[in-house]
Amino acid sequence: MNWITLEGGAEVFIEESKGGICKSCGTRFVWGVTRNNKFIPVTKTPEGKWISHFADCPGAGKHRKQPEGELKIVKAKKEGAV
């Protein structure tokens, strides 16, 4: 278990034995925890640098959470309330 710095500068706490395989692209990743206590999948580049898996996964958009406020607006538009 240790702190790493992602290529963009964010610090993430990882335990390399805790990971999985991406359901979208099949890449092996490690779960990290940010300083804000948010879980984030991270991968190691061929050059040995750590990056957020959201940066290199072609299916990343499918896994992102939509902010709660935006979700309510979208639902209201679909129901014709807005």
PDB file of N, CA and C in Angstrom:
ATOM      1  N   MET A   1       0.850  -1.172   0.000  1.00  0.00           N
ATOM      2  CA  MET A   1       0.000   0.000   0.000  1.00  0.00           C
ATOM      3  C   MET A   1       0.894   1.233   0.000  1.00  0.00           C
ATOM      4  N   ASN A   2       0.581   2.146  -0.924  1.00  0.00           N
ATOM      5  CA  ASN A   2       1.390   3.357  -0.969  1.00  0.00           C
ATOM      6  C   ASN A   2       0.687   4.457  -1.757  1.00  0.00           C
ATOM      7  N   TRP A   3       1.179   5.666  -1.572  1.00  0.00           N
ATOM      8  CA  TRP A   3       0.692   6.819  -2.321  1.00  0.00           C
ATOM      9  C   TRP A   3       1.466   6.909  -3.626  1.00  0.00           C
ATOM     10  N   ILE A   4       0.736   7.180  -4.709  1.00  0.00           N
ATOM     11  CA  ILE A   4       1.370   7.419  -6.005  1.00  0.00           C
ATOM     12  C   ILE A   4       0.862   8.753  -6.537  1.00  0.00           C
ATOM     13  N   THR A   5       1.589   9.314  -7.463  1.00  0.00           N
ATOM     14  CA  THR A   5       1.150  10.534  -8.132  1.00  0.00           C
ATOM     15  C   THR A   5       0.818  10.179  -9.572  1.00  0.00           C
ATOM     16  N   LEU A   6      -0.424  10.450  -9.964  1.00  0.00           N
ATOM     17  CA  LEU A   6      -0.840  10.190 -11.341  1.00  0.00           C
ATOM     18  C   LEU A   6      -0.183  11.187 -12.273  1.00  0.00           C
ATOM     19  N   GLU A   7      -0.166  10.867 -13.550  1.00  0.00           N
ATOM     20  CA  GLU A   7       0.486  11.726 -14.535  1.00  0.00           C
ATOM     21  C   GLU A   7      -0.048  13.159 -14.486  1.00  0.00           C
ATOM     22  N   GLY A   8      -1.318  13.360 -14.175  1.00  0.00           N
ATOM     23  CA  GLY A   8      -1.902  14.700 -14.090  1.00  0.00           C
ATOM     24  C   GLY A   8      -1.606  15.427 -12.797  1.00  0.00           C
ATOM     25  N   GLY A   9      -0.967  14.750 -11.826  1.00  0.00           N
ATOM     26  CA  GLY A   9      -0.585  15.382 -10.580  1.00  0.00           C
ATOM     27  C   GLY A   9      -1.405  14.975  -9.364  1.00  0.00           C
ATOM     28  N   ALA A  10      -2.522  14.285  -9.561  1.00  0.00           N
ATOM     29  CA  ALA A  10      -3.344  13.861  -8.420  1.00  0.00           C
ATOM     30  C   ALA A  10      -2.640  12.760  -7.636  1.00  0.00           C
ATOM     31  N   GLU A  11      -2.785  12.809  -6.317  1.00  0.00           N
ATOM     32  CA  GLU A  11      -2.208  11.770  -5.461  1.00  0.00           C
ATOM     33  C   GLU A  11      -3.292  10.745  -5.135  1.00  0.00           C
ATOM     34  N   VAL A  12      -2.927   9.479  -5.264  1.00  0.00           N
ATOM     35  CA  VAL A  12      -3.865   8.377  -5.064  1.00  0.00           C
ATOM     36  C   VAL A  12      -3.195   7.314  -4.210  1.00  0.00           C
ATOM     37  N   PHE A  13      -3.950   6.768  -3.271  1.00  0.00           N
ATOM     38  CA  PHE A  13      -3.472   5.684  -2.423  1.00  0.00           C
ATOM     39  C   PHE A  13      -3.881   4.371  -3.085  1.00  0.00           C
ATOM     40  N   ILE A  14      -2.921   3.489  -3.356  1.00  0.00           N
ATOM     41  CA  ILE A  14      -3.240   2.215  -4.004  1.00  0.00           C
ATOM     42  C   ILE A  14      -2.674   1.040  -3.227  1.00  0.00           C
ATOM     43  N   GLU A  15      -3.297  -0.093  -3.446  1.00  0.00           N
ATOM     44  CA  GLU A  15      -2.773  -1.369  -2.999  1.00  0.00           C
ATOM     45  C   GLU A  15      -2.809  -2.245  -4.253  1.00  0.00           C
ATOM     46  N   GLU A  16      -1.654  -2.536  -4.816  1.00  0.00           N
ATOM     47  CA  GLU A  16      -1.598  -3.182  -6.125  1.00  0.00           C
ATOM     48  C   GLU A  16      -2.287  -4.543  -6.179  1.00  0.00           C
ATOM     49  N   SER A  17      -2.530  -5.163  -5.033  1.00  0.00           N
ATOM     50  CA  SER A  17      -3.220  -6.450  -5.042  1.00  0.00           C
ATOM     51  C   SER A  17      -4.741  -6.278  -5.156  1.00  0.00           C
ATOM     52  N   LYS A  18      -5.235  -5.039  -5.024  1.00  0.00           N
ATOM     53  CA  LYS A  18      -6.671  -4.760  -5.119  1.00  0.00           C
ATOM     54  C   LYS A  18      -6.980  -4.170  -6.482  1.00  0.00           C
ATOM     55  N   GLY A  19      -7.534  -4.954  -7.362  1.00  0.00           N
ATOM     56  CA  GLY A  19      -7.833  -4.455  -8.692  1.00  0.00           C
ATOM     57  C   GLY A  19      -8.882  -5.282  -9.378  1.00  0.00           C
ATOM     58  N   GLY A  20      -8.950  -5.120 -10.672  1.00  0.00           N
ATOM     59  CA  GLY A  20      -9.934  -5.840 -11.451  1.00  0.00           C
ATOM     60  C   GLY A  20      -9.636  -5.724 -12.923  1.00  0.00           C
ATOM     61  N   ILE A  21     -10.609  -6.123 -13.706  1.00  0.00           N
ATOM     62  CA  ILE A  21     -10.500  -6.039 -15.160  1.00  0.00           C
ATOM     63  C   ILE A  21     -11.666  -5.192 -15.649  1.00  0.00           C
ATOM     64  N   CYS A  22     -11.380  -4.207 -16.482  1.00  0.00           N
ATOM     65  CA  CYS A  22     -12.392  -3.295 -16.999  1.00  0.00           C
ATOM     66  C   CYS A  22     -13.421  -4.059 -17.829  1.00  0.00           C
ATOM     67  N   LYS A  23     -14.704  -3.829 -17.552  1.00  0.00           N
ATOM     68  CA  LYS A  23     -15.779  -4.491 -18.287  1.00  0.00           C
ATOM     69  C   LYS A  23     -15.916  -3.958 -19.703  1.00  0.00           C
ATOM     70  N   SER A  24     -15.412  -2.755 -19.955  1.00  0.00           N
ATOM     71  CA  SER A  24     -15.527  -2.156 -21.284  1.00  0.00           C
ATOM     72  C   SER A  24     -14.407  -2.554 -22.232  1.00  0.00           C
ATOM     73  N   CYS A  25     -13.154  -2.523 -21.731  1.00  0.00           N
ATOM     74  CA  CYS A  25     -12.018  -2.743 -22.642  1.00  0.00           C
ATOM     75  C   CYS A  25     -11.141  -3.930 -22.274  1.00  0.00           C
ATOM     76  N   GLY A  26     -11.367  -4.537 -21.112  1.00  0.00           N
ATOM     77  CA  GLY A  26     -10.595  -5.714 -20.717  1.00  0.00           C
ATOM     78  C   GLY A  26      -9.229  -5.434 -20.116  1.00  0.00           C
ATOM     79  N   THR A  27      -8.903  -4.165 -19.878  1.00  0.00           N
ATOM     80  CA  THR A  27      -7.617  -3.801 -19.296  1.00  0.00           C
ATOM     81  C   THR A  27      -7.612  -4.078 -17.792  1.00  0.00           C
ATOM     82  N   ARG A  28      -6.510  -4.605 -17.295  1.00  0.00           N
ATOM     83  CA  ARG A  28      -6.357  -4.821 -15.860  1.00  0.00           C
ATOM     84  C   ARG A  28      -6.052  -3.471 -15.208  1.00  0.00           C
ATOM     85  N   PHE A  29      -6.730  -3.185 -14.084  1.00  0.00           N
ATOM     86  CA  PHE A  29      -6.519  -1.925 -13.373  1.00  0.00           C
ATOM     87  C   PHE A  29      -6.402  -2.183 -11.879  1.00  0.00           C
ATOM     88  N   VAL A  30      -5.989  -1.160 -11.150  1.00  0.00           N
ATOM     89  CA  VAL A  30      -5.871  -1.198  -9.697  1.00  0.00           C
ATOM     90  C   VAL A  30      -6.801  -0.125  -9.145  1.00  0.00           C
ATOM     91  N   TRP A  31      -7.531  -0.440  -8.076  1.00  0.00           N
ATOM     92  CA  TRP A  31      -8.372   0.578  -7.442  1.00  0.00           C
ATOM     93  C   TRP A  31      -7.504   1.480  -6.583  1.00  0.00           C
ATOM     94  N   GLY A  32      -7.706   2.777  -6.756  1.00  0.00           N
ATOM     95  CA  GLY A  32      -7.028   3.762  -5.928  1.00  0.00           C
ATOM     96  C   GLY A  32      -8.056   4.563  -5.161  1.00  0.00           C
ATOM     97  N   VAL A  33      -7.604   5.261  -4.137  1.00  0.00           N
ATOM     98  CA  VAL A  33      -8.467   6.139  -3.355  1.00  0.00           C
ATOM     99  C   VAL A  33      -7.823   7.514  -3.352  1.00  0.00           C
ATOM    100  N   THR A  34      -8.590   8.525  -3.762  1.00  0.00           N
ATOM    101  CA  THR A  34      -8.064   9.888  -3.794  1.00  0.00           C
ATOM    102  C   THR A  34      -8.045  10.482  -2.399  1.00  0.00           C
ATOM    103  N   ARG A  35      -7.444  11.652  -2.262  1.00  0.00           N
ATOM    104  CA  ARG A  35      -7.413  12.337  -0.965  1.00  0.00           C
ATOM    105  C   ARG A  35      -8.823  12.752  -0.535  1.00  0.00           C
ATOM    106  N   ASN A  36      -9.768  12.795  -1.484  1.00  0.00           N
ATOM    107  CA  ASN A  36     -11.168  13.109  -1.173  1.00  0.00           C
ATOM    108  C   ASN A  36     -11.983  11.848  -0.903  1.00  0.00           C
ATOM    109  N   ASN A  37     -11.306  10.716  -0.706  1.00  0.00           N
ATOM    110  CA  ASN A  37     -11.935   9.427  -0.424  1.00  0.00           C
ATOM    111  C   ASN A  37     -12.850   8.946  -1.549  1.00  0.00           C
ATOM    112  N   LYS A  38     -12.484   9.198  -2.803  1.00  0.00           N
ATOM    113  CA  LYS A  38     -13.222   8.716  -3.962  1.00  0.00           C
ATOM    114  C   LYS A  38     -12.430   7.575  -4.578  1.00  0.00           C
ATOM    115  N   PHE A  39     -13.112   6.495  -4.950  1.00  0.00           N
ATOM    116  CA  PHE A  39     -12.451   5.387  -5.615  1.00  0.00           C
ATOM    117  C   PHE A  39     -12.232   5.728  -7.077  1.00  0.00           C
ATOM    118  N   ILE A  40     -11.072   5.331  -7.605  1.00  0.00           N
ATOM    119  CA  ILE A  40     -10.728   5.609  -8.988  1.00  0.00           C
ATOM    120  C   ILE A  40      -9.905   4.441  -9.536  1.00  0.00           C
ATOM    121  N   PRO A  41     -10.239   3.974 -10.743  1.00  0.00           N
ATOM    122  CA  PRO A  41      -9.429   2.918 -11.338  1.00  0.00           C
ATOM    123  C   PRO A  41      -8.173   3.531 -11.968  1.00  0.00           C
ATOM    124  N   VAL A  42      -7.018   2.957 -11.696  1.00  0.00           N
ATOM    125  CA  VAL A  42      -5.771   3.473 -12.270  1.00  0.00           C
ATOM    126  C   VAL A  42      -5.023   2.349 -12.984  1.00  0.00           C
ATOM    127  N   THR A  43      -4.311   2.726 -14.029  1.00  0.00           N
ATOM    128  CA  THR A  43      -3.516   1.772 -14.795  1.00  0.00           C
ATOM    129  C   THR A  43      -2.109   2.311 -14.953  1.00  0.00           C
ATOM    130  N   LYS A  44      -1.192   1.412 -15.238  1.00  0.00           N
ATOM    131  CA  LYS A  44       0.201   1.787 -15.451  1.00  0.00           C
ATOM    132  C   LYS A  44       0.476   1.763 -16.952  1.00  0.00           C
ATOM    133  N   THR A  45       1.060   2.847 -17.471  1.00  0.00           N
ATOM    134  CA  THR A  45       1.386   2.914 -18.892  1.00  0.00           C
ATOM    135  C   THR A  45       2.607   2.045 -19.178  1.00  0.00           C
ATOM    136  N   PRO A  46       2.858   1.736 -20.452  1.00  0.00           N
ATOM    137  CA  PRO A  46       4.073   0.973 -20.789  1.00  0.00           C
ATOM    138  C   PRO A  46       5.356   1.674 -20.334  1.00  0.00           C
ATOM    139  N   GLU A  47       5.297   3.006 -20.182  1.00  0.00           N
ATOM    140  CA  GLU A  47       6.460   3.770 -19.721  1.00  0.00           C
ATOM    141  C   GLU A  47       6.604   3.733 -18.202  1.00  0.00           C
ATOM    142  N   GLY A  48       5.639   3.089 -17.508  1.00  0.00           N
ATOM    143  CA  GLY A  48       5.716   2.975 -16.056  1.00  0.00           C
ATOM    144  C   GLY A  48       5.049   4.095 -15.285  1.00  0.00           C
ATOM    145  N   LYS A  49       4.311   4.969 -15.970  1.00  0.00           N
ATOM    146  CA  LYS A  49       3.613   6.063 -15.303  1.00  0.00           C
ATOM    147  C   LYS A  49       2.189   5.618 -14.960  1.00  0.00           C
ATOM    148  N   TRP A  50       1.691   6.080 -13.836  1.00  0.00           N
ATOM    149  CA  TRP A  50       0.328   5.772 -13.421  1.00  0.00           C
ATOM    150  C   TRP A  50      -0.621   6.820 -13.973  1.00  0.00           C
ATOM    151  N   ILE A  51      -1.784   6.373 -14.508  1.00  0.00           N
ATOM    152  CA  ILE A  51      -2.807   7.292 -15.011  1.00  0.00           C
ATOM    153  C   ILE A  51      -4.181   6.782 -14.582  1.00  0.00           C
ATOM    154  N   SER A  52      -5.139   7.680 -14.581  1.00  0.00           N
ATOM    155  CA  SER A  52      -6.516   7.281 -14.341  1.00  0.00           C
ATOM    156  C   SER A  52      -6.960   6.410 -15.511  1.00  0.00           C
ATOM    157  N   HIS A  53      -7.623   5.305 -15.222  1.00  0.00           N
ATOM    158  CA  HIS A  53      -8.088   4.449 -16.320  1.00  0.00           C
ATOM    159  C   HIS A  53      -9.153   5.165 -17.146  1.00  0.00           C
ATOM    160  N   PHE A  54      -9.828   6.173 -16.584  1.00  0.00           N
ATOM    161  CA  PHE A  54     -10.779   6.953 -17.359  1.00  0.00           C
ATOM    162  C   PHE A  54     -10.083   7.693 -18.505  1.00  0.00           C
ATOM    163  N   ALA A  55      -8.794   7.941 -18.388  1.00  0.00           N
ATOM    164  CA  ALA A  55      -8.050   8.656 -19.423  1.00  0.00           C
ATOM    165  C   ALA A  55      -7.699   7.770 -20.616  1.00  0.00           C
ATOM    166  N   ASP A  56      -7.611   6.445 -20.411  1.00  0.00           N
ATOM    167  CA  ASP A  56      -7.197   5.589 -21.526  1.00  0.00           C
ATOM    168  C   ASP A  56      -8.233   4.538 -21.937  1.00  0.00           C
ATOM    169  N   CYS A  57      -9.404   4.532 -21.312  1.00  0.00           N
ATOM    170  CA  CYS A  57     -10.432   3.547 -21.647  1.00  0.00           C
ATOM    171  C   CYS A  57     -11.395   4.119 -22.685  1.00  0.00           C
ATOM    172  N   PRO A  58     -11.579   3.432 -23.802  1.00  0.00           N
ATOM    173  CA  PRO A  58     -12.513   3.933 -24.811  1.00  0.00           C
ATOM    174  C   PRO A  58     -13.968   3.939 -24.327  1.00  0.00           C
ATOM    175  N   GLY A  59     -14.293   3.166 -23.310  1.00  0.00           N
ATOM    176  CA  GLY A  59     -15.654   3.111 -22.792  1.00  0.00           C
ATOM    177  C   GLY A  59     -15.846   3.853 -21.483  1.00  0.00           C
ATOM    178  N   ALA A  60     -14.948   4.770 -21.158  1.00  0.00           N
ATOM    179  CA  ALA A  60     -14.983   5.448 -19.857  1.00  0.00           C
ATOM    180  C   ALA A  60     -16.298   6.182 -19.604  1.00  0.00           C
ATOM    181  N   GLY A  61     -16.874   6.768 -20.624  1.00  0.00           N
ATOM    182  CA  GLY A  61     -18.109   7.535 -20.459  1.00  0.00           C
ATOM    183  C   GLY A  61     -19.252   6.714 -19.898  1.00  0.00           C
ATOM    184  N   LYS A  62     -19.254   5.414 -20.157  1.00  0.00           N
ATOM    185  CA  LYS A  62     -20.323   4.546 -19.671  1.00  0.00           C
ATOM    186  C   LYS A  62     -20.266   4.367 -18.158  1.00  0.00           C
ATOM    187  N   HIS A  63     -19.118   4.618 -17.555  1.00  0.00           N
ATOM    188  CA  HIS A  63     -18.928   4.347 -16.137  1.00  0.00           C
ATOM    189  C   HIS A  63     -18.931   5.591 -15.260  1.00  0.00           C
ATOM    190  N   ARG A  64     -19.041   6.756 -15.851  1.00  0.00           N
ATOM    191  CA  ARG A  64     -19.019   7.986 -15.062  1.00  0.00           C
ATOM    192  C   ARG A  64     -20.384   8.261 -14.472  1.00  0.00           C
ATOM    193  N   LYS A  65     -20.384   8.752 -13.242  1.00  0.00           N
ATOM    194  CA  LYS A  65     -21.635   9.099 -12.587  1.00  0.00           C
ATOM    195  C   LYS A  65     -22.034  10.505 -12.989  1.00  0.00           C
ATOM    196  N   GLN A  66     -23.326  10.690 -13.240  1.00  0.00           N
ATOM    197  CA  GLN A  66     -23.837  12.005 -13.588  1.00  0.00           C
ATOM    198  C   GLN A  66     -24.169  12.754 -12.303  1.00  0.00           C
ATOM    199  N   PRO A  67     -23.812  14.039 -12.207  1.00  0.00           N
ATOM    200  CA  PRO A  67     -24.152  14.796 -11.007  1.00  0.00           C
ATOM    201  C   PRO A  67     -25.653  14.758 -10.748  1.00  0.00           C
ATOM    202  N   GLU A  68     -26.035  14.668  -9.493  1.00  0.00           N
ATOM    203  CA  GLU A  68     -27.446  14.498  -9.104  1.00  0.00           C
ATOM    204  C   GLU A  68     -28.341  15.596  -9.670  1.00  0.00           C
ATOM    205  N   GLY A  69     -27.918  16.858  -9.637  1.00  0.00           N
ATOM    206  CA  GLY A  69     -28.734  17.957 -10.153  1.00  0.00           C
ATOM    207  C   GLY A  69     -29.036  17.815 -11.632  1.00  0.00           C
ATOM    208  N   GLU A  70     -28.039  17.422 -12.421  1.00  0.00           N
ATOM    209  CA  GLU A  70     -28.239  17.246 -13.851  1.00  0.00           C
ATOM    210  C   GLU A  70     -29.199  16.091 -14.122  1.00  0.00           C
ATOM    211  N   LEU A  71     -29.139  15.060 -13.333  1.00  0.00           N
ATOM    212  CA  LEU A  71     -29.999  13.904 -13.510  1.00  0.00           C
ATOM    213  C   LEU A  71     -31.465  14.305 -13.348  1.00  0.00           C
ATOM    214  N   LYS A  72     -31.775  15.139 -12.373  1.00  0.00           N
ATOM    215  CA  LYS A  72     -33.146  15.584 -12.146  1.00  0.00           C
ATOM    216  C   LYS A  72     -33.653  16.405 -13.327  1.00  0.00           C
ATOM    217  N   ILE A  73     -32.813  17.258 -13.894  1.00  0.00           N
ATOM    218  CA  ILE A  73     -33.211  18.090 -15.031  1.00  0.00           C
ATOM    219  C   ILE A  73     -33.498  17.210 -16.242  1.00  0.00           C
ATOM    220  N   VAL A  74     -32.653  16.236 -16.503  1.00  0.00           N
ATOM    221  CA  VAL A  74     -32.852  15.332 -17.637  1.00  0.00           C
ATOM    222  C   VAL A  74     -34.156  14.566 -17.476  1.00  0.00           C
ATOM    223  N   LYS A  75     -34.438  14.050 -16.266  1.00  0.00           N
ATOM    224  CA  LYS A  75     -35.675  13.318 -16.027  1.00  0.00           C
ATOM    225  C   LYS A  75     -36.897  14.229 -16.240  1.00  0.00           C
ATOM    226  N   ALA A  76     -36.816  15.457 -15.774  1.00  0.00           N
ATOM    227  CA  ALA A  76     -37.932  16.385 -15.921  1.00  0.00           C
ATOM    228  C   ALA A  76     -38.186  16.699 -17.380  1.00  0.00           C
ATOM    229  N   LYS A  77     -37.122  16.858 -18.174  1.00  0.00           N
ATOM    230  CA  LYS A  77     -37.292  17.132 -19.605  1.00  0.00           C
ATOM    231  C   LYS A  77     -37.960  15.961 -20.307  1.00  0.00           C
ATOM    232  N   LYS A  78     -37.575  14.741 -19.937  1.00  0.00           N
ATOM    233  CA  LYS A  78     -38.157  13.551 -20.545  1.00  0.00           C
ATOM    234  C   LYS A  78     -39.646  13.435 -20.214  1.00  0.00           C
ATOM    235  N   GLU A  79     -40.006  13.875 -19.011  1.00  0.00           N
ATOM    236  CA  GLU A  79     -41.393  13.786 -18.581  1.00  0.00           C
ATOM    237  C   GLU A  79     -42.204  14.998 -19.023  1.00  0.00           C
ATOM    238  N   GLY A  80     -41.580  15.962 -19.687  1.00  0.00           N
ATOM    239  CA  GLY A  80     -42.275  17.146 -20.196  1.00  0.00           C
ATOM    240  C   GLY A  80     -42.549  18.207 -19.162  1.00  0.00           C
ATOM    241  N   ALA A  81     -41.912  18.137 -18.012  1.00  0.00           N
ATOM    242  CA  ALA A  81     -42.144  19.098 -16.937  1.00  0.00           C
ATOM    243  C   ALA A  81     -41.343  20.376 -17.096  1.00  0.00           C
ATOM    244  N   VAL A  82     -40.337  20.367 -17.961  1.00  0.00           N
ATOM    245  CA  VAL A  82     -39.494  21.570 -18.119  1.00  0.00           C
ATOM    246  C   VAL A  82     -39.708  22.154 -19.487  1.00  0.00           C
TER     247      VAL A  82
END
